[in-house]
Amino acid sequence: MKKLVVSVKCPYCKKSLMEDEKMIDGYPSVKVNIQHQDKRGALYLSSIYGSYNIISEFIIPMEELVLIF
């Protein structure tokens, strides 16, 4: 089965959200900023469609709301 790799950019400023220095599943990751309570940091998502692999700067509690921006 062929992997579908996505490339993401900001819809407003058109800046790429791809992060070449944080590889996940062998491809550049998608970097977003997150906030949970008083913690802020980066969240890196796999760019492979359907993959749930991530790298987070802090532990994200299960079933908690997190702001993504």
C-alpha atoms as a PDB file:
ATOM      1  CA  MET A   1       0.000   0.000   0.000  1.00  0.00           C
ATOM      2  CA  LYS A   2       1.358   3.421  -0.985  1.00  0.00           C
ATOM      3  CA  LYS A   3       1.787   6.007   1.806  1.00  0.00           C
ATOM      4  CA  LEU A   4       0.035   9.337   1.397  1.00  0.00           C
ATOM      5  CA  VAL A   5       2.329  12.061   2.733  1.00  0.00           C
ATOM      6  CA  VAL A   6       0.783  15.486   3.327  1.00  0.00           C
ATOM      7  CA  SER A   7       2.457  18.887   3.176  1.00  0.00           C
ATOM      8  CA  VAL A   8       0.766  21.590   5.263  1.00  0.00           C
ATOM      9  CA  LYS A   9       0.962  25.381   5.178  1.00  0.00           C
ATOM     10  CA  CYS A  10      -0.822  28.214   6.989  1.00  0.00           C
ATOM     11  CA  PRO A  11      -3.994  29.210   5.112  1.00  0.00           C
ATOM     12  CA  TYR A  12      -3.379  32.891   5.938  1.00  0.00           C
ATOM     13  CA  CYS A  13       0.322  33.615   5.507  1.00  0.00           C
ATOM     14  CA  LYS A  14       1.123  30.528   3.361  1.00  0.00           C
ATOM     15  CA  LYS A  15       4.143  29.653   5.566  1.00  0.00           C
ATOM     16  CA  SER A  16       4.975  25.941   5.604  1.00  0.00           C
ATOM     17  CA  LEU A  17       4.233  24.065   8.843  1.00  0.00           C
ATOM     18  CA  MET A  18       6.594  21.256   7.844  1.00  0.00           C
ATOM     19  CA  GLU A  19       9.565  20.650  10.155  1.00  0.00           C
ATOM     20  CA  ASP A  20      12.537  18.966   8.452  1.00  0.00           C
ATOM     21  CA  GLU A  21      14.515  18.662  11.698  1.00  0.00           C
ATOM     22  CA  LYS A  22      11.856  16.542  13.492  1.00  0.00           C
ATOM     23  CA  MET A  23      11.316  13.449  11.401  1.00  0.00           C
ATOM     24  CA  ILE A  24       8.419  11.103  12.218  1.00  0.00           C
ATOM     25  CA  ASP A  25       7.865   7.869  10.270  1.00  0.00           C
ATOM     26  CA  GLY A  26      10.841   8.839   8.090  1.00  0.00           C
ATOM     27  CA  TYR A  27       9.297  12.096   6.823  1.00  0.00           C
ATOM     28  CA  PRO A  28       9.280  15.744   7.986  1.00  0.00           C
ATOM     29  CA  SER A  29       6.668  16.363  10.693  1.00  0.00           C
ATOM     30  CA  VAL A  30       3.915  18.968  10.914  1.00  0.00           C
ATOM     31  CA  LYS A  31       4.675  21.466  13.711  1.00  0.00           C
ATOM     32  CA  VAL A  32       1.870  23.144  15.662  1.00  0.00           C
ATOM     33  CA  ASN A  33       1.888  24.966  18.980  1.00  0.00           C
ATOM     34  CA  ILE A  34      -0.204  23.638  21.853  1.00  0.00           C
ATOM     35  CA  GLN A  35      -1.381  24.842  25.243  1.00  0.00           C
ATOM     36  CA  HIS A  36      -2.781  22.835  28.148  1.00  0.00           C
ATOM     37  CA  GLN A  37      -3.539  24.794  31.324  1.00  0.00           C
ATOM     38  CA  ASP A  38      -0.331  26.783  32.010  1.00  0.00           C
ATOM     39  CA  LYS A  39       1.937  24.713  29.721  1.00  0.00           C
ATOM     40  CA  ARG A  40       2.824  25.796  26.186  1.00  0.00           C
ATOM     41  CA  GLY A  41       5.009  23.997  23.691  1.00  0.00           C
ATOM     42  CA  ALA A  42       5.361  22.395  20.289  1.00  0.00           C
ATOM     43  CA  LEU A  43       3.570  19.313  19.025  1.00  0.00           C
ATOM     44  CA  TYR A  44       4.955  17.480  16.004  1.00  0.00           C
ATOM     45  CA  LEU A  45       2.507  15.334  14.026  1.00  0.00           C
ATOM     46  CA  SER A  46       3.304  12.632  11.488  1.00  0.00           C
ATOM     47  CA  SER A  47       2.816  13.831   7.924  1.00  0.00           C
ATOM     48  CA  ILE A  48       1.670  10.376   6.831  1.00  0.00           C
ATOM     49  CA  TYR A  49      -2.101  10.355   6.393  1.00  0.00           C
ATOM     50  CA  GLY A  50      -3.634   8.033   9.013  1.00  0.00           C
ATOM     51  CA  SER A  51      -0.573   7.862  11.288  1.00  0.00           C
ATOM     52  CA  TYR A  52      -1.099   8.752  14.948  1.00  0.00           C
ATOM     53  CA  ASN A  53       2.621   9.110  15.762  1.00  0.00           C
ATOM     54  CA  ILE A  54       3.587  12.354  17.501  1.00  0.00           C
ATOM     55  CA  ILE A  55       6.394  14.043  19.419  1.00  0.00           C
ATOM     56  CA  SER A  56       5.301  16.459  22.150  1.00  0.00           C
ATOM     57  CA  GLU A  57       7.336  18.818  24.336  1.00  0.00           C
ATOM     58  CA  PHE A  58       5.212  17.782  27.325  1.00  0.00           C
ATOM     59  CA  ILE A  59       2.865  14.958  28.268  1.00  0.00           C
ATOM     60  CA  ILE A  60      -0.677  15.497  27.030  1.00  0.00           C
ATOM     61  CA  PRO A  61      -3.215  13.948  29.442  1.00  0.00           C
ATOM     62  CA  MET A  62      -5.739  11.560  27.900  1.00  0.00           C
ATOM     63  CA  GLU A  63      -9.233  12.982  27.364  1.00  0.00           C
ATOM     64  CA  GLU A  64      -8.165  16.556  28.164  1.00  0.00           C
ATOM     65  CA  LEU A  65      -8.779  19.623  26.012  1.00  0.00           C
ATOM     66  CA  VAL A  66      -5.697  21.105  24.396  1.00  0.00           C
ATOM     67  CA  LEU A  67      -5.524  24.351  22.414  1.00  0.00           C
ATOM     68  CA  ILE A  68      -3.785  23.940  19.068  1.00  0.00           C
ATOM     69  CA  PHE A  69      -2.604  26.972  17.140  1.00  0.00           C
END
